[in-house]
Amino acid sequence: MRSLPSRFSDWVVAHPVVWGVGAAVVLVLLGLALHLPPIVVIAAGAAIGGLNILHARRRGYCPLPAEPGPQTVRADAEEALGERSDG
C-alpha cells in the first residue's frame, strides 16, 4: 500500500486547479484569522505556487515550457497548417 504523502502527491498533480483554489481559500482564511497584511498572504501564495511548479517538474509533469522563448514545435505546426490551406 502506498503512503499517504505519495497518494496526496498524485492527487495534487492530477487536480491542479482544485489544489490551487483550495490553497488560495485556506491562505485567505488564515490571513483573515491571524490579521496578516495582504502582502504576506500574497507572498505565501506565490511561494506555494513556486513549490507546486517544482513538484510538478520533479514528478515529470509541468505545463510550463522547459525554456523561455518561442516554441518551435508550435511554430512548425502552424506553418504546416498554413501551407495546406494555401495550396
C-alpha atoms as a PDB file:
ATOM      1  CA  MET A   1       0.000   0.000   0.000  1.00  0.00           C
ATOM      2  CA  ARG A   2       1.265   3.450  -0.912  1.00  0.00           C
ATOM      3  CA  SER A   3       1.894   6.068   1.726  1.00  0.00           C
ATOM      4  CA  LEU A   4      -0.419   8.999   2.352  1.00  0.00           C
ATOM      5  CA  PRO A   5       2.119  11.615   1.099  1.00  0.00           C
ATOM      6  CA  SER A   6       2.541   9.660  -2.152  1.00  0.00           C
ATOM      7  CA  ARG A   7      -1.211   9.488  -2.733  1.00  0.00           C
ATOM      8  CA  PHE A   8      -1.580  13.205  -1.915  1.00  0.00           C
ATOM      9  CA  SER A   9       1.232  13.996  -4.349  1.00  0.00           C
ATOM     10  CA  ASP A  10      -0.586  12.087  -7.108  1.00  0.00           C
ATOM     11  CA  TRP A  11      -3.807  13.944  -6.306  1.00  0.00           C
ATOM     12  CA  VAL A  12      -2.091  17.360  -6.483  1.00  0.00           C
ATOM     13  CA  VAL A  13      -0.643  16.544  -9.918  1.00  0.00           C
ATOM     14  CA  ALA A  14      -3.978  15.184 -11.170  1.00  0.00           C
ATOM     15  CA  HIS A  15      -6.116  18.092  -9.889  1.00  0.00           C
ATOM     16  CA  PRO A  16      -4.031  21.299 -10.110  1.00  0.00           C
ATOM     17  CA  VAL A  17      -6.994  23.689 -10.334  1.00  0.00           C
ATOM     18  CA  VAL A  18      -8.760  22.248  -7.290  1.00  0.00           C
ATOM     19  CA  TRP A  19      -5.464  22.278  -5.376  1.00  0.00           C
ATOM     20  CA  GLY A  20      -4.756  25.908  -6.362  1.00  0.00           C
ATOM     21  CA  VAL A  21      -8.215  27.189  -5.473  1.00  0.00           C
ATOM     22  CA  GLY A  22      -8.266  25.222  -2.224  1.00  0.00           C
ATOM     23  CA  ALA A  23      -4.842  26.519  -1.203  1.00  0.00           C
ATOM     24  CA  ALA A  24      -5.902  30.084  -2.023  1.00  0.00           C
ATOM     25  CA  VAL A  25      -9.059  29.825   0.089  1.00  0.00           C
ATOM     26  CA  VAL A  26      -7.109  28.396   3.030  1.00  0.00           C
ATOM     27  CA  LEU A  27      -4.485  31.152   2.757  1.00  0.00           C
ATOM     28  CA  VAL A  28      -7.080  33.927   2.672  1.00  0.00           C
ATOM     29  CA  LEU A  29      -8.971  32.485   5.645  1.00  0.00           C
ATOM     30  CA  LEU A  30      -5.728  32.025   7.573  1.00  0.00           C
ATOM     31  CA  GLY A  31      -4.701  35.586   6.745  1.00  0.00           C
ATOM     32  CA  LEU A  32      -8.020  36.931   7.979  1.00  0.00           C
ATOM     33  CA  ALA A  33      -7.945  34.828  11.147  1.00  0.00           C
ATOM     34  CA  LEU A  34      -4.400  35.901  12.040  1.00  0.00           C
ATOM     35  CA  HIS A  35      -4.861  39.531  10.901  1.00  0.00           C
ATOM     36  CA  LEU A  36      -1.956  39.244   8.452  1.00  0.00           C
ATOM     37  CA  PRO A  37      -1.276  42.022   5.938  1.00  0.00           C
ATOM     38  CA  PRO A  38      -2.363  41.148   2.384  1.00  0.00           C
ATOM     39  CA  ILE A  39       1.234  41.173   1.120  1.00  0.00           C
ATOM     40  CA  VAL A  40       2.063  38.272   3.457  1.00  0.00           C
ATOM     41  CA  VAL A  41      -0.865  36.244   2.095  1.00  0.00           C
ATOM     42  CA  ILE A  42       0.163  37.054  -1.486  1.00  0.00           C
ATOM     43  CA  ALA A  43       3.784  36.104  -0.790  1.00  0.00           C
ATOM     44  CA  ALA A  44       2.681  32.813   0.769  1.00  0.00           C
ATOM     45  CA  GLY A  45       0.522  32.084  -2.277  1.00  0.00           C
ATOM     46  CA  ALA A  46       3.427  32.821  -4.613  1.00  0.00           C
ATOM     47  CA  ALA A  47       5.684  30.531  -2.581  1.00  0.00           C
ATOM     48  CA  ILE A  48       3.136  27.705  -2.716  1.00  0.00           C
ATOM     49  CA  GLY A  49       2.738  28.250  -6.463  1.00  0.00           C
ATOM     50  CA  GLY A  50       6.503  28.055  -6.965  1.00  0.00           C
ATOM     51  CA  LEU A  51       6.712  24.886  -4.905  1.00  0.00           C
ATOM     52  CA  ASN A  52       3.824  23.463  -6.921  1.00  0.00           C
ATOM     53  CA  ILE A  53       5.747  24.030 -10.166  1.00  0.00           C
ATOM     54  CA  LEU A  54       8.897  22.450  -8.735  1.00  0.00           C
ATOM     55  CA  HIS A  55       6.865  19.482  -7.512  1.00  0.00           C
ATOM     56  CA  ALA A  56       5.202  19.008 -10.912  1.00  0.00           C
ATOM     57  CA  ARG A  57       8.533  19.170 -12.736  1.00  0.00           C
ATOM     58  CA  ARG A  58      10.029  16.617 -10.365  1.00  0.00           C
ATOM     59  CA  ARG A  59       7.070  14.314 -10.998  1.00  0.00           C
ATOM     60  CA  GLY A  60       7.557  14.706 -14.759  1.00  0.00           C
ATOM     61  CA  TYR A  61       4.524  16.871 -15.450  1.00  0.00           C
ATOM     62  CA  CYS A  62       4.523  20.603 -15.844  1.00  0.00           C
ATOM     63  CA  PRO A  63       2.549  22.685 -18.354  1.00  0.00           C
ATOM     64  CA  LEU A  64       5.260  25.368 -18.389  1.00  0.00           C
ATOM     65  CA  PRO A  65       7.883  25.206 -21.162  1.00  0.00           C
ATOM     66  CA  ALA A  66      11.334  23.977 -20.152  1.00  0.00           C
ATOM     67  CA  GLU A  67      13.000  27.017 -21.712  1.00  0.00           C
ATOM     68  CA  PRO A  68      11.611  30.529 -22.131  1.00  0.00           C
ATOM     69  CA  GLY A  69      11.062  31.843 -25.609  1.00  0.00           C
ATOM     70  CA  PRO A  70       9.061  30.872 -28.679  1.00  0.00           C
ATOM     71  CA  GLN A  71       8.022  27.270 -29.049  1.00  0.00           C
ATOM     72  CA  THR A  72       9.492  25.965 -32.327  1.00  0.00           C
ATOM     73  CA  VAL A  73       7.223  22.917 -32.418  1.00  0.00           C
ATOM     74  CA  ARG A  74       4.136  25.103 -32.287  1.00  0.00           C
ATOM     75  CA  ALA A  75       5.530  27.439 -34.973  1.00  0.00           C
ATOM     76  CA  ASP A  76       6.368  24.481 -37.239  1.00  0.00           C
ATOM     77  CA  ALA A  77       2.854  23.090 -36.822  1.00  0.00           C
ATOM     78  CA  GLU A  78       1.301  26.460 -37.696  1.00  0.00           C
ATOM     79  CA  GLU A  79       3.494  26.715 -40.812  1.00  0.00           C
ATOM     80  CA  ALA A  80       2.396  23.251 -41.937  1.00  0.00           C
ATOM     81  CA  LEU A  81      -1.251  24.202 -41.457  1.00  0.00           C
ATOM     82  CA  GLY A  82      -0.707  27.401 -43.393  1.00  0.00           C
ATOM     83  CA  GLU A  83       0.877  25.534 -46.305  1.00  0.00           C
ATOM     84  CA  ARG A  84      -2.078  23.140 -46.533  1.00  0.00           C
ATOM     85  CA  SER A  85      -4.657  25.926 -46.620  1.00  0.00           C
ATOM     86  CA  ASP A  86      -2.705  27.912 -49.240  1.00  0.00           C
ATOM     87  CA  GLY A  87      -2.485  25.094 -51.799  1.00  0.00           C
END
